[in-house]
């Protein structure tokens, strides 16, 4: 997983690092609708990535979320 994403999820959103595996669903990782809004803001502020809440919620897993962010960064 991208270290920037991992840092945002664990430090900024206070999610459990042990739950952040590529195959883990967003819900099982503790990412709820409020977390998605916060994640979108942090991605914009810290990484300069504009990804809507709807796009983030469309990810089925933490791994998909990571791939989405990497694609936006041009690291696909």
PDB file of N, CA and C in Angstrom:
ATOM      1  N   UNK A   1       0.847  -1.175   0.000  1.00  0.00           N
ATOM      2  CA  UNK A   1       0.000   0.000   0.000  1.00  0.00           C
ATOM      3  C   UNK A   1       0.896   1.243   0.000  1.00  0.00           C
ATOM      4  N   UNK A   2       0.465   2.234  -0.713  1.00  0.00           N
ATOM      5  CA  UNK A   2       1.133   3.518  -0.777  1.00  0.00           C
ATOM      6  C   UNK A   2       1.312   4.067   0.638  1.00  0.00           C
ATOM      7  N   UNK A   3       2.511   4.523   0.958  1.00  0.00           N
ATOM      8  CA  UNK A   3       2.793   5.025   2.313  1.00  0.00           C
ATOM      9  C   UNK A   3       1.998   6.280   2.644  1.00  0.00           C
ATOM     10  N   UNK A   4       1.755   7.136   1.645  1.00  0.00           N
ATOM     11  CA  UNK A   4       0.964   8.340   1.898  1.00  0.00           C
ATOM     12  C   UNK A   4      -0.465   7.972   2.293  1.00  0.00           C
ATOM     13  N   UNK A   5      -1.049   7.031   1.563  1.00  0.00           N
ATOM     14  CA  UNK A   5      -2.406   6.587   1.884  1.00  0.00           C
ATOM     15  C   UNK A   5      -2.435   5.944   3.257  1.00  0.00           C
ATOM     16  N   UNK A   6      -1.470   5.102   3.529  1.00  0.00           N
ATOM     17  CA  UNK A   6      -1.419   4.420   4.824  1.00  0.00           C
ATOM     18  C   UNK A   6      -1.314   5.438   5.963  1.00  0.00           C
ATOM     19  N   UNK A   7      -0.491   6.451   5.785  1.00  0.00           N
ATOM     20  CA  UNK A   7      -0.331   7.485   6.807  1.00  0.00           C
ATOM     21  C   UNK A   7      -1.639   8.245   7.016  1.00  0.00           C
ATOM     22  N   UNK A   8      -2.304   8.606   5.936  1.00  0.00           N
ATOM     23  CA  UNK A   8      -3.574   9.340   6.063  1.00  0.00           C
ATOM     24  C   UNK A   8      -4.609   8.472   6.784  1.00  0.00           C
ATOM     25  N   UNK A   9      -4.691   7.213   6.407  1.00  0.00           N
ATOM     26  CA  UNK A   9      -5.691   6.332   7.019  1.00  0.00           C
ATOM     27  C   UNK A   9      -5.407   6.074   8.491  1.00  0.00           C
ATOM     28  N   UNK A  10      -4.133   5.894   8.844  1.00  0.00           N
ATOM     29  CA  UNK A  10      -3.821   5.556  10.237  1.00  0.00           C
ATOM     30  C   UNK A  10      -3.654   6.778  11.128  1.00  0.00           C
ATOM     31  N   UNK A  11      -3.013   7.822  10.620  1.00  0.00           N
ATOM     32  CA  UNK A  11      -2.746   9.000  11.452  1.00  0.00           C
ATOM     33  C   UNK A  11      -3.910   9.979  11.422  1.00  0.00           C
ATOM     34  N   UNK A  12      -4.356  10.343  10.237  1.00  0.00           N
ATOM     35  CA  UNK A  12      -5.402  11.357  10.117  1.00  0.00           C
ATOM     36  C   UNK A  12      -6.800  10.810  10.439  1.00  0.00           C
ATOM     37  N   UNK A  13      -7.076   9.576   9.999  1.00  0.00           N
ATOM     38  CA  UNK A  13      -8.411   9.007  10.212  1.00  0.00           C
ATOM     39  C   UNK A  13      -8.460   8.021  11.381  1.00  0.00           C
ATOM     40  N   UNK A  14      -7.320   7.798  12.022  1.00  0.00           N
ATOM     41  CA  UNK A  14      -7.223   6.926  13.200  1.00  0.00           C
ATOM     42  C   UNK A  14      -7.733   5.504  12.963  1.00  0.00           C
ATOM     43  N   UNK A  15      -7.457   4.966  11.772  1.00  0.00           N
ATOM     44  CA  UNK A  15      -7.862   3.592  11.491  1.00  0.00           C
ATOM     45  C   UNK A  15      -6.775   2.626  11.957  1.00  0.00           C
ATOM     46  N   UNK A  16      -7.173   1.419  12.251  1.00  0.00           N
ATOM     47  CA  UNK A  16      -6.271   0.382  12.731  1.00  0.00           C
ATOM     48  C   UNK A  16      -5.417  -0.144  11.578  1.00  0.00           C
ATOM     49  N   UNK A  17      -4.121   0.001  11.707  1.00  0.00           N
ATOM     50  CA  UNK A  17      -3.177  -0.454  10.687  1.00  0.00           C
ATOM     51  C   UNK A  17      -3.361  -1.936  10.368  1.00  0.00           C
ATOM     52  N   UNK A  18      -3.711  -2.723  11.376  1.00  0.00           N
ATOM     53  CA  UNK A  18      -3.875  -4.172  11.189  1.00  0.00           C
ATOM     54  C   UNK A  18      -5.050  -4.509  10.270  1.00  0.00           C
ATOM     55  N   UNK A  19      -5.990  -3.587  10.116  1.00  0.00           N
ATOM     56  CA  UNK A  19      -7.167  -3.839   9.276  1.00  0.00           C
ATOM     57  C   UNK A  19      -6.966  -3.392   7.837  1.00  0.00           C
ATOM     58  N   UNK A  20      -5.830  -2.797   7.540  1.00  0.00           N
ATOM     59  CA  UNK A  20      -5.606  -2.216   6.217  1.00  0.00           C
ATOM     60  C   UNK A  20      -4.840  -3.167   5.309  1.00  0.00           C
ATOM     61  N   UNK A  21      -5.567  -4.119   4.743  1.00  0.00           N
ATOM     62  CA  UNK A  21      -5.004  -5.081   3.791  1.00  0.00           C
ATOM     63  C   UNK A  21      -5.691  -4.873   2.443  1.00  0.00           C
ATOM     64  N   UNK A  22      -5.001  -5.178   1.350  1.00  0.00           N
ATOM     65  CA  UNK A  22      -5.581  -4.947   0.018  1.00  0.00           C
ATOM     66  C   UNK A  22      -6.967  -5.546  -0.187  1.00  0.00           C
ATOM     67  N   UNK A  23      -7.234  -6.698   0.370  1.00  0.00           N
ATOM     68  CA  UNK A  23      -8.515  -7.358   0.157  1.00  0.00           C
ATOM     69  C   UNK A  23      -9.608  -6.952   1.123  1.00  0.00           C
ATOM     70  N   UNK A  24      -9.286  -6.106   2.083  1.00  0.00           N
ATOM     71  CA  UNK A  24     -10.258  -5.694   3.091  1.00  0.00           C
ATOM     72  C   UNK A  24     -11.231  -4.681   2.500  1.00  0.00           C
ATOM     73  N   UNK A  25     -12.525  -4.898   2.711  1.00  0.00           N
ATOM     74  CA  UNK A  25     -13.523  -3.932   2.235  1.00  0.00           C
ATOM     75  C   UNK A  25     -13.350  -2.629   3.002  1.00  0.00           C
ATOM     76  N   UNK A  26     -13.820  -1.534   2.414  1.00  0.00           N
ATOM     77  CA  UNK A  26     -13.719  -0.242   3.088  1.00  0.00           C
ATOM     78  C   UNK A  26     -14.454  -0.277   4.424  1.00  0.00           C
ATOM     79  N   UNK A  27     -15.625  -0.904   4.427  1.00  0.00           N
ATOM     80  CA  UNK A  27     -16.410  -0.995   5.660  1.00  0.00           C
ATOM     81  C   UNK A  27     -15.643  -1.756   6.741  1.00  0.00           C
ATOM     82  N   UNK A  28     -15.058  -2.904   6.382  1.00  0.00           N
ATOM     83  CA  UNK A  28     -14.311  -3.696   7.360  1.00  0.00           C
ATOM     84  C   UNK A  28     -13.049  -2.986   7.840  1.00  0.00           C
ATOM     85  N   UNK A  29     -12.513  -2.094   7.008  1.00  0.00           N
ATOM     86  CA  UNK A  29     -11.332  -1.316   7.407  1.00  0.00           C
ATOM     87  C   UNK A  29     -11.707  -0.153   8.314  1.00  0.00           C
ATOM     88  N   UNK A  30     -13.017   0.110   8.442  1.00  0.00           N
ATOM     89  CA  UNK A  30     -13.482   1.192   9.298  1.00  0.00           C
ATOM     90  C   UNK A  30     -13.712   2.497   8.552  1.00  0.00           C
ATOM     91  N   UNK A  31     -13.769   2.423   7.227  1.00  0.00           N
ATOM     92  CA  UNK A  31     -13.983   3.616   6.415  1.00  0.00           C
ATOM     93  C   UNK A  31     -15.482   3.781   6.170  1.00  0.00           C
ATOM     94  N   UNK A  32     -16.072   4.752   6.864  1.00  0.00           N
ATOM     95  CA  UNK A  32     -17.496   5.033   6.698  1.00  0.00           C
ATOM     96  C   UNK A  32     -17.660   6.289   5.846  1.00  0.00           C
ATOM     97  N   UNK A  33     -18.880   6.772   5.704  1.00  0.00           N
ATOM     98  CA  UNK A  33     -19.134   7.914   4.823  1.00  0.00           C
ATOM     99  C   UNK A  33     -18.410   9.179   5.292  1.00  0.00           C
ATOM    100  N   UNK A  34     -18.318   9.387   6.590  1.00  0.00           N
ATOM    101  CA  UNK A  34     -17.589  10.544   7.110  1.00  0.00           C
ATOM    102  C   UNK A  34     -16.095  10.409   6.818  1.00  0.00           C
ATOM    103  N   UNK A  35     -15.568   9.214   6.978  1.00  0.00           N
ATOM    104  CA  UNK A  35     -14.158   8.966   6.683  1.00  0.00           C
ATOM    105  C   UNK A  35     -13.840   9.223   5.223  1.00  0.00           C
ATOM    106  N   UNK A  36     -14.772   8.889   4.343  1.00  0.00           N
ATOM    107  CA  UNK A  36     -14.571   9.104   2.909  1.00  0.00           C
ATOM    108  C   UNK A  36     -14.452  10.597   2.617  1.00  0.00           C
ATOM    109  N   UNK A  37     -15.300  11.400   3.260  1.00  0.00           N
ATOM    110  CA  UNK A  37     -15.234  12.853   3.078  1.00  0.00           C
ATOM    111  C   UNK A  37     -13.885  13.370   3.583  1.00  0.00           C
ATOM    112  N   UNK A  38     -13.481  12.928   4.758  1.00  0.00           N
ATOM    113  CA  UNK A  38     -12.199  13.346   5.322  1.00  0.00           C
ATOM    114  C   UNK A  38     -11.039  12.901   4.432  1.00  0.00           C
ATOM    115  N   UNK A  39     -11.112  11.679   3.916  1.00  0.00           N
ATOM    116  CA  UNK A  39     -10.062  11.157   3.048  1.00  0.00           C
ATOM    117  C   UNK A  39      -9.940  12.006   1.793  1.00  0.00           C
ATOM    118  N   UNK A  40     -11.062  12.372   1.211  1.00  0.00           N
ATOM    119  CA  UNK A  40     -11.050  13.207   0.011  1.00  0.00           C
ATOM    120  C   UNK A  40     -10.354  14.542   0.289  1.00  0.00           C
ATOM    121  N   UNK A  41     -10.639  15.137   1.438  1.00  0.00           N
ATOM    122  CA  UNK A  41     -10.024  16.415   1.813  1.00  0.00           C
ATOM    123  C   UNK A  41      -8.522  16.241   2.019  1.00  0.00           C
ATOM    124  N   UNK A  42      -8.125  15.191   2.722  1.00  0.00           N
ATOM    125  CA  UNK A  42      -6.697  14.957   2.972  1.00  0.00           C
ATOM    126  C   UNK A  42      -5.940  14.666   1.678  1.00  0.00           C
ATOM    127  N   UNK A  43      -6.541  13.904   0.779  1.00  0.00           N
ATOM    128  CA  UNK A  43      -5.887  13.620  -0.500  1.00  0.00           C
ATOM    129  C   UNK A  43      -5.663  14.906  -1.278  1.00  0.00           C
ATOM    130  N   UNK A  44      -6.629  15.794  -1.223  1.00  0.00           N
ATOM    131  CA  UNK A  44      -6.515  17.077  -1.917  1.00  0.00           C
ATOM    132  C   UNK A  44      -5.466  17.968  -1.252  1.00  0.00           C
ATOM    133  N   UNK A  45      -5.574  18.137   0.056  1.00  0.00           N
ATOM    134  CA  UNK A  45      -4.678  19.032   0.785  1.00  0.00           C
ATOM    135  C   UNK A  45      -3.235  18.544   0.817  1.00  0.00           C
ATOM    136  N   UNK A  46      -3.043  17.251   1.056  1.00  0.00           N
ATOM    137  CA  UNK A  46      -1.698  16.733   1.266  1.00  0.00           C
ATOM    138  C   UNK A  46      -1.024  16.212   0.003  1.00  0.00           C
ATOM    139  N   UNK A  47      -1.819  15.693  -0.928  1.00  0.00           N
ATOM    140  CA  UNK A  47      -1.228  15.087  -2.118  1.00  0.00           C
ATOM    141  C   UNK A  47      -1.603  15.804  -3.405  1.00  0.00           C
ATOM    142  N   UNK A  48      -2.489  16.790  -3.319  1.00  0.00           N
ATOM    143  CA  UNK A  48      -2.913  17.515  -4.503  1.00  0.00           C
ATOM    144  C   UNK A  48      -3.773  16.700  -5.453  1.00  0.00           C
ATOM    145  N   UNK A  49      -4.447  15.665  -4.927  1.00  0.00           N
ATOM    146  CA  UNK A  49      -5.297  14.799  -5.741  1.00  0.00           C
ATOM    147  C   UNK A  49      -6.761  15.143  -5.521  1.00  0.00           C
ATOM    148  N   UNK A  50      -7.461  15.372  -6.587  1.00  0.00           N
ATOM    149  CA  UNK A  50      -8.897  15.655  -6.494  1.00  0.00           C
ATOM    150  C   UNK A  50      -9.654  14.370  -6.847  1.00  0.00           C
ATOM    151  N   UNK A  51     -10.141  13.690  -5.818  1.00  0.00           N
ATOM    152  CA  UNK A  51     -10.933  12.481  -6.012  1.00  0.00           C
ATOM    153  C   UNK A  51     -12.217  12.667  -5.208  1.00  0.00           C
ATOM    154  N   UNK A  52     -13.340  12.569  -5.887  1.00  0.00           N
ATOM    155  CA  UNK A  52     -14.623  12.821  -5.222  1.00  0.00           C
ATOM    156  C   UNK A  52     -14.960  11.719  -4.222  1.00  0.00           C
ATOM    157  N   UNK A  53     -15.839  12.063  -3.305  1.00  0.00           N
ATOM    158  CA  UNK A  53     -16.304  11.082  -2.329  1.00  0.00           C
ATOM    159  C   UNK A  53     -16.959   9.896  -3.026  1.00  0.00           C
ATOM    160  N   UNK A  54     -17.723  10.182  -4.081  1.00  0.00           N
ATOM    161  CA  UNK A  54     -18.401   9.108  -4.814  1.00  0.00           C
ATOM    162  C   UNK A  54     -17.391   8.148  -5.435  1.00  0.00           C
ATOM    163  N   UNK A  55     -16.323   8.702  -5.992  1.00  0.00           N
ATOM    164  CA  UNK A  55     -15.285   7.841  -6.581  1.00  0.00           C
ATOM    165  C   UNK A  55     -14.612   6.994  -5.514  1.00  0.00           C
ATOM    166  N   UNK A  56     -14.305   7.606  -4.380  1.00  0.00           N
ATOM    167  CA  UNK A  56     -13.658   6.869  -3.294  1.00  0.00           C
ATOM    168  C   UNK A  56     -14.571   5.759  -2.772  1.00  0.00           C
ATOM    169  N   UNK A  57     -15.856   6.049  -2.624  1.00  0.00           N
ATOM    170  CA  UNK A  57     -16.802   5.051  -2.124  1.00  0.00           C
ATOM    171  C   UNK A  57     -17.006   3.914  -3.113  1.00  0.00           C
ATOM    172  N   UNK A  58     -16.704   4.160  -4.384  1.00  0.00           N
ATOM    173  CA  UNK A  58     -16.886   3.112  -5.391  1.00  0.00           C
ATOM    174  C   UNK A  58     -15.823   2.017  -5.284  1.00  0.00           C
ATOM    175  N   UNK A  59     -14.762   2.288  -4.552  1.00  0.00           N
ATOM    176  CA  UNK A  59     -13.722   1.271  -4.367  1.00  0.00           C
ATOM    177  C   UNK A  59     -14.286   0.145  -3.503  1.00  0.00           C
ATOM    178  N   UNK A  60     -14.101  -1.081  -3.944  1.00  0.00           N
ATOM    179  CA  UNK A  60     -14.639  -2.230  -3.211  1.00  0.00           C
ATOM    180  C   UNK A  60     -13.731  -2.663  -2.060  1.00  0.00           C
ATOM    181  N   UNK A  61     -12.462  -2.239  -2.124  1.00  0.00           N
ATOM    182  CA  UNK A  61     -11.507  -2.689  -1.106  1.00  0.00           C
ATOM    183  C   UNK A  61     -10.426  -1.632  -0.898  1.00  0.00           C
ATOM    184  N   UNK A  62      -9.637  -1.831   0.130  1.00  0.00           N
ATOM    185  CA  UNK A  62      -8.507  -0.944   0.402  1.00  0.00           C
ATOM    186  C   UNK A  62      -7.514  -0.993  -0.759  1.00  0.00           C
ATOM    187  N   UNK A  63      -7.309  -2.172  -1.330  1.00  0.00           N
ATOM    188  CA  UNK A  63      -6.405  -2.312  -2.468  1.00  0.00           C
ATOM    189  C   UNK A  63      -6.892  -1.534  -3.679  1.00  0.00           C
ATOM    190  N   UNK A  64      -8.185  -1.550  -3.916  1.00  0.00           N
ATOM    191  CA  UNK A  64      -8.757  -0.790  -5.032  1.00  0.00           C
ATOM    192  C   UNK A  64      -8.605   0.708  -4.791  1.00  0.00           C
ATOM    193  N   UNK A  65      -8.785   1.112  -3.572  1.00  0.00           N
ATOM    194  CA  UNK A  65      -8.601   2.510  -3.203  1.00  0.00           C
ATOM    195  C   UNK A  65      -7.159   2.926  -3.474  1.00  0.00           C
ATOM    196  N   UNK A  66      -6.233   2.090  -3.088  1.00  0.00           N
ATOM    197  CA  UNK A  66      -4.805   2.342  -3.319  1.00  0.00           C
ATOM    198  C   UNK A  66      -4.513   2.460  -4.820  1.00  0.00           C
ATOM    199  N   UNK A  67      -5.061   1.538  -5.613  1.00  0.00           N
ATOM    200  CA  UNK A  67      -4.841   1.580  -7.077  1.00  0.00           C
ATOM    201  C   UNK A  67      -5.429   2.850  -7.680  1.00  0.00           C
ATOM    202  N   UNK A  68      -6.598   3.255  -7.209  1.00  0.00           N
ATOM    203  CA  UNK A  68      -7.235   4.471  -7.708  1.00  0.00           C
ATOM    204  C   UNK A  68      -6.320   5.682  -7.471  1.00  0.00           C
ATOM    205  N   UNK A  69      -5.767   5.759  -6.280  1.00  0.00           N
ATOM    206  CA  UNK A  69      -4.898   6.874  -5.942  1.00  0.00           C
ATOM    207  C   UNK A  69      -3.618   6.833  -6.764  1.00  0.00           C
ATOM    208  N   UNK A  70      -3.043   5.647  -6.918  1.00  0.00           N
ATOM    209  CA  UNK A  70      -1.825   5.523  -7.730  1.00  0.00           C
ATOM    210  C   UNK A  70      -2.085   5.909  -9.179  1.00  0.00           C
ATOM    211  N   UNK A  71      -3.235   5.545  -9.720  1.00  0.00           N
ATOM    212  CA  UNK A  71      -3.573   5.919 -11.096  1.00  0.00           C
ATOM    213  C   UNK A  71      -3.670   7.434 -11.209  1.00  0.00           C
ATOM    214  N   UNK A  72      -4.260   8.091 -10.234  1.00  0.00           N
ATOM    215  CA  UNK A  72      -4.388   9.546 -10.261  1.00  0.00           C
ATOM    216  C   UNK A  72      -3.028  10.230 -10.161  1.00  0.00           C
ATOM    217  N   UNK A  73      -2.118   9.573  -9.469  1.00  0.00           N
ATOM    218  CA  UNK A  73      -0.768  10.117  -9.346  1.00  0.00           C
ATOM    219  C   UNK A  73       0.063   9.842 -10.590  1.00  0.00           C
ATOM    220  N   UNK A  74      -0.457   9.005 -11.477  1.00  0.00           N
ATOM    221  CA  UNK A  74       0.285   8.674 -12.679  1.00  0.00           C
ATOM    222  C   UNK A  74       1.267   7.535 -12.484  1.00  0.00           C
ATOM    223  N   UNK A  75       1.049   6.738 -11.430  1.00  0.00           N
ATOM    224  CA  UNK A  75       1.942   5.617 -11.124  1.00  0.00           C
ATOM    225  C   UNK A  75       1.289   4.278 -11.446  1.00  0.00           C
ATOM    226  N   UNK A  76       0.380   4.250 -12.401  1.00  0.00           N
ATOM    227  CA  UNK A  76      -0.334   3.012 -12.694  1.00  0.00           C
ATOM    228  C   UNK A  76       0.599   2.058 -13.366  1.00  0.00           C
TER     229      UNK A  76
END
